Every structure is written in C-alpha cells, then in structure tokens.
C-alpha cells in the first residue's frame, strides 16, 4: 500500500501488517527535516479541501469502483 500518514503510531501499525507498505512520508520527511534543521510536527493534516468538493468526492469514489 502507498501511504503518506504523518502519525508515527499509524505508520508503525501499518508496518505490522503483511501488506507491503511504501511510506512516502517517511521516505521524504528525513530530507525535509535535514534541510530545515528541525523536526516536523508529524500530525495528521487536512487534504487541502479535497473532500469538501463534491465533484472530487465523486471522482474518487468512481475511481475506487473501476
């Protein structure tokens, strides 16, 4: 599975599954933190308003059924 979960607890739980996990958050966060010389907040964030747009919700639901 592909994930961008910011929560350390969620990512650790996902790694306990038998499913292969590609963790984009973990892959890139170290580089970002190194450049900024600070640790990230690591809290879940909004999806940039994606779910507030009815058309986007419909597209995502239809894509999951395809």
PDB file of N, CA and C in Angstrom:
ATOM      1  N   UNK A   1       0.831  -1.146   0.000  1.00  0.00           N
ATOM      2  CA  UNK A   1       0.000   0.000   0.000  1.00  0.00           C
ATOM      3  C   UNK A   1       0.888   1.224   0.000  1.00  0.00           C
ATOM      4  N   UNK A   2       0.389   2.311  -0.566  1.00  0.00           N
ATOM      5  CA  UNK A   2       1.065   3.598  -0.532  1.00  0.00           C
ATOM      6  C   UNK A   2       0.455   4.421   0.584  1.00  0.00           C
ATOM      7  N   UNK A   3       1.287   5.064   1.387  1.00  0.00           N
ATOM      8  CA  UNK A   3       0.762   5.867   2.477  1.00  0.00           C
ATOM      9  C   UNK A   3       1.560   7.151   2.643  1.00  0.00           C
ATOM     10  N   UNK A   4       0.861   8.166   3.129  1.00  0.00           N
ATOM     11  CA  UNK A   4       1.502   9.430   3.491  1.00  0.00           C
ATOM     12  C   UNK A   4       1.075   9.808   4.905  1.00  0.00           C
ATOM     13  N   UNK A   5       0.767   8.815   5.713  1.00  0.00           N
ATOM     14  CA  UNK A   5       0.316   9.071   7.086  1.00  0.00           C
ATOM     15  C   UNK A   5       1.411   9.792   7.871  1.00  0.00           C
ATOM     16  N   UNK A   6       1.034  10.884   8.517  1.00  0.00           N
ATOM     17  CA  UNK A   6       2.006  11.670   9.287  1.00  0.00           C
ATOM     18  C   UNK A   6       2.209  11.124  10.696  1.00  0.00           C
ATOM     19  N   UNK A   7       1.234  10.448  11.225  1.00  0.00           N
ATOM     20  CA  UNK A   7       1.291   9.953  12.602  1.00  0.00           C
ATOM     21  C   UNK A   7       2.246   8.756  12.714  1.00  0.00           C
ATOM     22  N   UNK A   8       3.226   8.878  13.600  1.00  0.00           N
ATOM     23  CA  UNK A   8       4.161   7.766  13.822  1.00  0.00           C
ATOM     24  C   UNK A   8       3.421   6.502  14.238  1.00  0.00           C
ATOM     25  N   UNK A   9       2.416   6.645  15.102  1.00  0.00           N
ATOM     26  CA  UNK A   9       1.664   5.474  15.576  1.00  0.00           C
ATOM     27  C   UNK A   9       0.957   4.764  14.431  1.00  0.00           C
ATOM     28  N   UNK A  10       0.367   5.523  13.524  1.00  0.00           N
ATOM     29  CA  UNK A  10      -0.346   4.929  12.388  1.00  0.00           C
ATOM     30  C   UNK A  10       0.641   4.214  11.473  1.00  0.00           C
ATOM     31  N   UNK A  11       1.770   4.850  11.172  1.00  0.00           N
ATOM     32  CA  UNK A  11       2.752   4.228  10.293  1.00  0.00           C
ATOM     33  C   UNK A  11       3.326   2.959  10.910  1.00  0.00           C
ATOM     34  N   UNK A  12       3.581   2.958  12.208  1.00  0.00           N
ATOM     35  CA  UNK A  12       4.081   1.751  12.869  1.00  0.00           C
ATOM     36  C   UNK A  12       3.064   0.620  12.800  1.00  0.00           C
ATOM     37  N   UNK A  13       1.802   0.949  12.975  1.00  0.00           N
ATOM     38  CA  UNK A  13       0.746  -0.069  12.907  1.00  0.00           C
ATOM     39  C   UNK A  13       0.629  -0.628  11.487  1.00  0.00           C
ATOM     40  N   UNK A  14       0.734   0.234  10.488  1.00  0.00           N
ATOM     41  CA  UNK A  14       0.673  -0.232   9.097  1.00  0.00           C
ATOM     42  C   UNK A  14       1.826  -1.183   8.786  1.00  0.00           C
ATOM     43  N   UNK A  15       2.992  -0.928   9.339  1.00  0.00           N
ATOM     44  CA  UNK A  15       4.155  -1.798   9.099  1.00  0.00           C
ATOM     45  C   UNK A  15       3.989  -3.171   9.732  1.00  0.00           C
ATOM     46  N   UNK A  16       3.095  -3.290  10.683  1.00  0.00           N
ATOM     47  CA  UNK A  16       2.867  -4.590  11.331  1.00  0.00           C
ATOM     48  C   UNK A  16       2.011  -5.510  10.468  1.00  0.00           C
ATOM     49  N   UNK A  17       1.384  -4.976   9.425  1.00  0.00           N
ATOM     50  CA  UNK A  17       0.541  -5.789   8.554  1.00  0.00           C
ATOM     51  C   UNK A  17       1.406  -6.635   7.625  1.00  0.00           C
ATOM     52  N   UNK A  18       0.790  -7.577   6.952  1.00  0.00           N
ATOM     53  CA  UNK A  18       1.512  -8.413   5.987  1.00  0.00           C
ATOM     54  C   UNK A  18       1.585  -7.735   4.624  1.00  0.00           C
ATOM     55  N   UNK A  19       0.891  -6.642   4.464  1.00  0.00           N
ATOM     56  CA  UNK A  19       0.860  -5.913   3.202  1.00  0.00           C
ATOM     57  C   UNK A  19       2.152  -5.111   3.014  1.00  0.00           C
ATOM     58  N   UNK A  20       2.749  -5.147   1.833  1.00  0.00           N
ATOM     59  CA  UNK A  20       3.923  -4.293   1.592  1.00  0.00           C
ATOM     60  C   UNK A  20       3.513  -2.818   1.702  1.00  0.00           C
ATOM     61  N   UNK A  21       4.298  -2.033   2.404  1.00  0.00           N
ATOM     62  CA  UNK A  21       3.980  -0.627   2.640  1.00  0.00           C
ATOM     63  C   UNK A  21       5.069   0.255   2.038  1.00  0.00           C
ATOM     64  N   UNK A  22       4.650   1.197   1.195  1.00  0.00           N
ATOM     65  CA  UNK A  22       5.555   2.219   0.673  1.00  0.00           C
ATOM     66  C   UNK A  22       5.150   3.514   1.350  1.00  0.00           C
ATOM     67  N   UNK A  23       5.997   3.967   2.246  1.00  0.00           N
ATOM     68  CA  UNK A  23       5.688   5.094   3.117  1.00  0.00           C
ATOM     69  C   UNK A  23       6.333   6.375   2.580  1.00  0.00           C
ATOM     70  N   UNK A  24       5.576   7.134   1.795  1.00  0.00           N
ATOM     71  CA  UNK A  24       6.109   8.352   1.196  1.00  0.00           C
ATOM     72  C   UNK A  24       6.463   9.404   2.248  1.00  0.00           C
ATOM     73  N   UNK A  25       5.715   9.448   3.321  1.00  0.00           N
ATOM     74  CA  UNK A  25       6.009  10.418   4.382  1.00  0.00           C
ATOM     75  C   UNK A  25       7.393  10.145   4.954  1.00  0.00           C
ATOM     76  N   UNK A  26       7.628   8.901   5.336  1.00  0.00           N
ATOM     77  CA  UNK A  26       8.906   8.534   5.945  1.00  0.00           C
ATOM     78  C   UNK A  26      10.060   8.659   4.952  1.00  0.00           C
ATOM     79  N   UNK A  27       9.808   8.364   3.683  1.00  0.00           N
ATOM     80  CA  UNK A  27      10.854   8.447   2.669  1.00  0.00           C
ATOM     81  C   UNK A  27      11.371   9.874   2.482  1.00  0.00           C
ATOM     82  N   UNK A  28      10.491  10.847   2.601  1.00  0.00           N
ATOM     83  CA  UNK A  28      10.871  12.232   2.302  1.00  0.00           C
ATOM     84  C   UNK A  28      11.053  13.119   3.525  1.00  0.00           C
ATOM     85  N   UNK A  29      10.468  12.766   4.636  1.00  0.00           N
ATOM     86  CA  UNK A  29      10.488  13.647   5.796  1.00  0.00           C
ATOM     87  C   UNK A  29      11.895  13.861   6.341  1.00  0.00           C
ATOM     88  N   UNK A  30      12.721  12.847   6.324  1.00  0.00           N
ATOM     89  CA  UNK A  30      14.097  12.995   6.810  1.00  0.00           C
ATOM     90  C   UNK A  30      14.868  14.049   6.030  1.00  0.00           C
ATOM     91  N   UNK A  31      14.707  14.053   4.716  1.00  0.00           N
ATOM     92  CA  UNK A  31      15.375  15.058   3.884  1.00  0.00           C
ATOM     93  C   UNK A  31      14.867  16.456   4.187  1.00  0.00           C
ATOM     94  N   UNK A  32      13.557  16.590   4.308  1.00  0.00           N
ATOM     95  CA  UNK A  32      12.964  17.897   4.609  1.00  0.00           C
ATOM     96  C   UNK A  32      13.444  18.391   5.969  1.00  0.00           C
ATOM     97  N   UNK A  33      13.430  17.518   6.969  1.00  0.00           N
ATOM     98  CA  UNK A  33      13.871  17.903   8.310  1.00  0.00           C
ATOM     99  C   UNK A  33      15.355  18.284   8.314  1.00  0.00           C
ATOM    100  N   UNK A  34      16.145  17.580   7.524  1.00  0.00           N
ATOM    101  CA  UNK A  34      17.573  17.887   7.446  1.00  0.00           C
ATOM    102  C   UNK A  34      17.807  19.266   6.825  1.00  0.00           C
ATOM    103  N   UNK A  35      17.113  19.556   5.758  1.00  0.00           N
ATOM    104  CA  UNK A  35      17.260  20.851   5.095  1.00  0.00           C
ATOM    105  C   UNK A  35      16.818  21.986   6.012  1.00  0.00           C
ATOM    106  N   UNK A  36      15.676  21.788   6.692  1.00  0.00           N
ATOM    107  CA  UNK A  36      15.142  22.836   7.572  1.00  0.00           C
ATOM    108  C   UNK A  36      15.798  22.833   8.954  1.00  0.00           C
ATOM    109  N   UNK A  37      16.571  21.791   9.236  1.00  0.00           N
ATOM    110  CA  UNK A  37      17.244  21.625  10.527  1.00  0.00           C
ATOM    111  C   UNK A  37      16.272  21.704  11.704  1.00  0.00           C
ATOM    112  N   UNK A  38      15.152  21.038  11.553  1.00  0.00           N
ATOM    113  CA  UNK A  38      14.161  20.949  12.622  1.00  0.00           C
ATOM    114  C   UNK A  38      13.293  19.718  12.397  1.00  0.00           C
ATOM    115  N   UNK A  39      12.740  19.185  13.447  1.00  0.00           N
ATOM    116  CA  UNK A  39      11.861  18.008  13.343  1.00  0.00           C
ATOM    117  C   UNK A  39      10.458  18.449  12.985  1.00  0.00           C
ATOM    118  N   UNK A  40       9.837  17.721  12.088  1.00  0.00           N
ATOM    119  CA  UNK A  40       8.463  18.008  11.686  1.00  0.00           C
ATOM    120  C   UNK A  40       7.478  17.740  12.810  1.00  0.00           C
ATOM    121  N   UNK A  41       6.292  18.311  12.680  1.00  0.00           N
ATOM    122  CA  UNK A  41       5.256  18.184  13.710  1.00  0.00           C
ATOM    123  C   UNK A  41       4.676  16.776  13.754  1.00  0.00           C
ATOM    124  N   UNK A  42       4.564  16.134  12.609  1.00  0.00           N
ATOM    125  CA  UNK A  42       4.053  14.755  12.496  1.00  0.00           C
ATOM    126  C   UNK A  42       2.635  14.586  13.027  1.00  0.00           C
ATOM    127  N   UNK A  43       1.774  15.506  12.654  1.00  0.00           N
ATOM    128  CA  UNK A  43       0.359  15.429  12.988  1.00  0.00           C
ATOM    129  C   UNK A  43      -0.449  15.303  11.702  1.00  0.00           C
ATOM    130  N   UNK A  44      -1.556  14.562  11.747  1.00  0.00           N
ATOM    131  CA  UNK A  44      -2.400  14.472  10.554  1.00  0.00           C
ATOM    132  C   UNK A  44      -2.863  15.867  10.123  1.00  0.00           C
ATOM    133  N   UNK A  45      -2.926  16.070   8.824  1.00  0.00           N
ATOM    134  CA  UNK A  45      -3.344  17.365   8.285  1.00  0.00           C
ATOM    135  C   UNK A  45      -4.531  17.181   7.340  1.00  0.00           C
ATOM    136  N   UNK A  46      -5.101  18.277   6.958  1.00  0.00           N
ATOM    137  CA  UNK A  46      -6.225  18.230   6.022  1.00  0.00           C
ATOM    138  C   UNK A  46      -5.740  17.853   4.633  1.00  0.00           C
ATOM    139  N   UNK A  47      -6.649  17.385   3.815  1.00  0.00           N
ATOM    140  CA  UNK A  47      -6.339  17.019   2.434  1.00  0.00           C
ATOM    141  C   UNK A  47      -6.549  18.211   1.506  1.00  0.00           C
ATOM    142  N   UNK A  48      -6.163  19.376   1.929  1.00  0.00           N
ATOM    143  CA  UNK A  48      -6.248  20.583   1.114  1.00  0.00           C
ATOM    144  C   UNK A  48      -7.651  20.817   0.586  1.00  0.00           C
ATOM    145  N   UNK A  49      -8.664  20.493   1.383  1.00  0.00           N
ATOM    146  CA  UNK A  49     -10.047  20.752   0.998  1.00  0.00           C
ATOM    147  C   UNK A  49     -10.619  19.766   0.008  1.00  0.00           C
ATOM    148  N   UNK A  50      -9.888  18.707  -0.310  1.00  0.00           N
ATOM    149  CA  UNK A  50     -10.322  17.761  -1.328  1.00  0.00           C
ATOM    150  C   UNK A  50     -11.713  17.207  -1.048  1.00  0.00           C
ATOM    151  N   UNK A  51     -11.977  16.812   0.175  1.00  0.00           N
ATOM    152  CA  UNK A  51     -13.262  16.180   0.486  1.00  0.00           C
ATOM    153  C   UNK A  51     -14.395  17.181   0.614  1.00  0.00           C
ATOM    154  N   UNK A  52     -14.083  18.465   0.579  1.00  0.00           N
ATOM    155  CA  UNK A  52     -15.162  19.447   0.614  1.00  0.00           C
ATOM    156  C   UNK A  52     -15.753  19.678  -0.769  1.00  0.00           C
ATOM    157  N   UNK A  53     -15.053  19.262  -1.787  1.00  0.00           N
ATOM    158  CA  UNK A  53     -15.535  19.457  -3.151  1.00  0.00           C
ATOM    159  C   UNK A  53     -16.340  18.225  -3.575  1.00  0.00           C
ATOM    160  N   UNK A  54     -17.657  18.385  -3.800  1.00  0.00           N
ATOM    161  CA  UNK A  54     -18.487  17.206  -4.153  1.00  0.00           C
ATOM    162  C   UNK A  54     -17.994  16.478  -5.399  1.00  0.00           C
ATOM    163  N   UNK A  55     -17.534  17.195  -6.421  1.00  0.00           N
ATOM    164  CA  UNK A  55     -17.072  16.533  -7.638  1.00  0.00           C
ATOM    165  C   UNK A  55     -15.833  15.678  -7.378  1.00  0.00           C
ATOM    166  N   UNK A  56     -14.930  16.156  -6.553  1.00  0.00           N
ATOM    167  CA  UNK A  56     -13.727  15.384  -6.232  1.00  0.00           C
ATOM    168  C   UNK A  56     -14.104  14.102  -5.499  1.00  0.00           C
ATOM    169  N   UNK A  57     -15.043  14.202  -4.573  1.00  0.00           N
ATOM    170  CA  UNK A  57     -15.503  13.018  -3.837  1.00  0.00           C
ATOM    171  C   UNK A  57     -16.069  11.988  -4.796  1.00  0.00           C
ATOM    172  N   UNK A  58     -16.876  12.442  -5.737  1.00  0.00           N
ATOM    173  CA  UNK A  58     -17.487  11.540  -6.714  1.00  0.00           C
ATOM    174  C   UNK A  58     -16.421  10.878  -7.577  1.00  0.00           C
ATOM    175  N   UNK A  59     -15.436  11.655  -8.054  1.00  0.00           N
ATOM    176  CA  UNK A  59     -14.360  11.087  -8.883  1.00  0.00           C
ATOM    177  C   UNK A  59     -13.585  10.020  -8.124  1.00  0.00           C
ATOM    178  N   UNK A  60     -13.283  10.275  -6.873  1.00  0.00           N
ATOM    179  CA  UNK A  60     -12.515   9.317  -6.080  1.00  0.00           C
ATOM    180  C   UNK A  60     -13.327   8.038  -5.860  1.00  0.00           C
ATOM    181  N   UNK A  61     -14.590   8.187  -5.545  1.00  0.00           N
ATOM    182  CA  UNK A  61     -15.433   7.013  -5.321  1.00  0.00           C
ATOM    183  C   UNK A  61     -15.586   6.197  -6.600  1.00  0.00           C
ATOM    184  N   UNK A  62     -15.770   6.870  -7.737  1.00  0.00           N
ATOM    185  CA  UNK A  62     -15.897   6.156  -9.008  1.00  0.00           C
ATOM    186  C   UNK A  62     -14.592   5.472  -9.395  1.00  0.00           C
ATOM    187  N   UNK A  63     -13.472   6.110  -9.142  1.00  0.00           N
ATOM    188  CA  UNK A  63     -12.174   5.503  -9.441  1.00  0.00           C
ATOM    189  C   UNK A  63     -11.939   4.259  -8.599  1.00  0.00           C
ATOM    190  N   UNK A  64     -12.412   4.269  -7.365  1.00  0.00           N
ATOM    191  CA  UNK A  64     -12.213   3.102  -6.499  1.00  0.00           C
ATOM    192  C   UNK A  64     -13.073   1.915  -6.947  1.00  0.00           C
ATOM    193  N   UNK A  65     -14.131   2.193  -7.682  1.00  0.00           N
ATOM    194  CA  UNK A  65     -15.008   1.115  -8.181  1.00  0.00           C
ATOM    195  C   UNK A  65     -14.564   0.595  -9.536  1.00  0.00           C
ATOM    196  N   UNK A  66     -13.708   1.322 -10.220  1.00  0.00           N
ATOM    197  CA  UNK A  66     -13.277   0.937 -11.578  1.00  0.00           C
ATOM    198  C   UNK A  66     -12.399  -0.294 -11.564  1.00  0.00           C
TER     199      UNK A  66
END
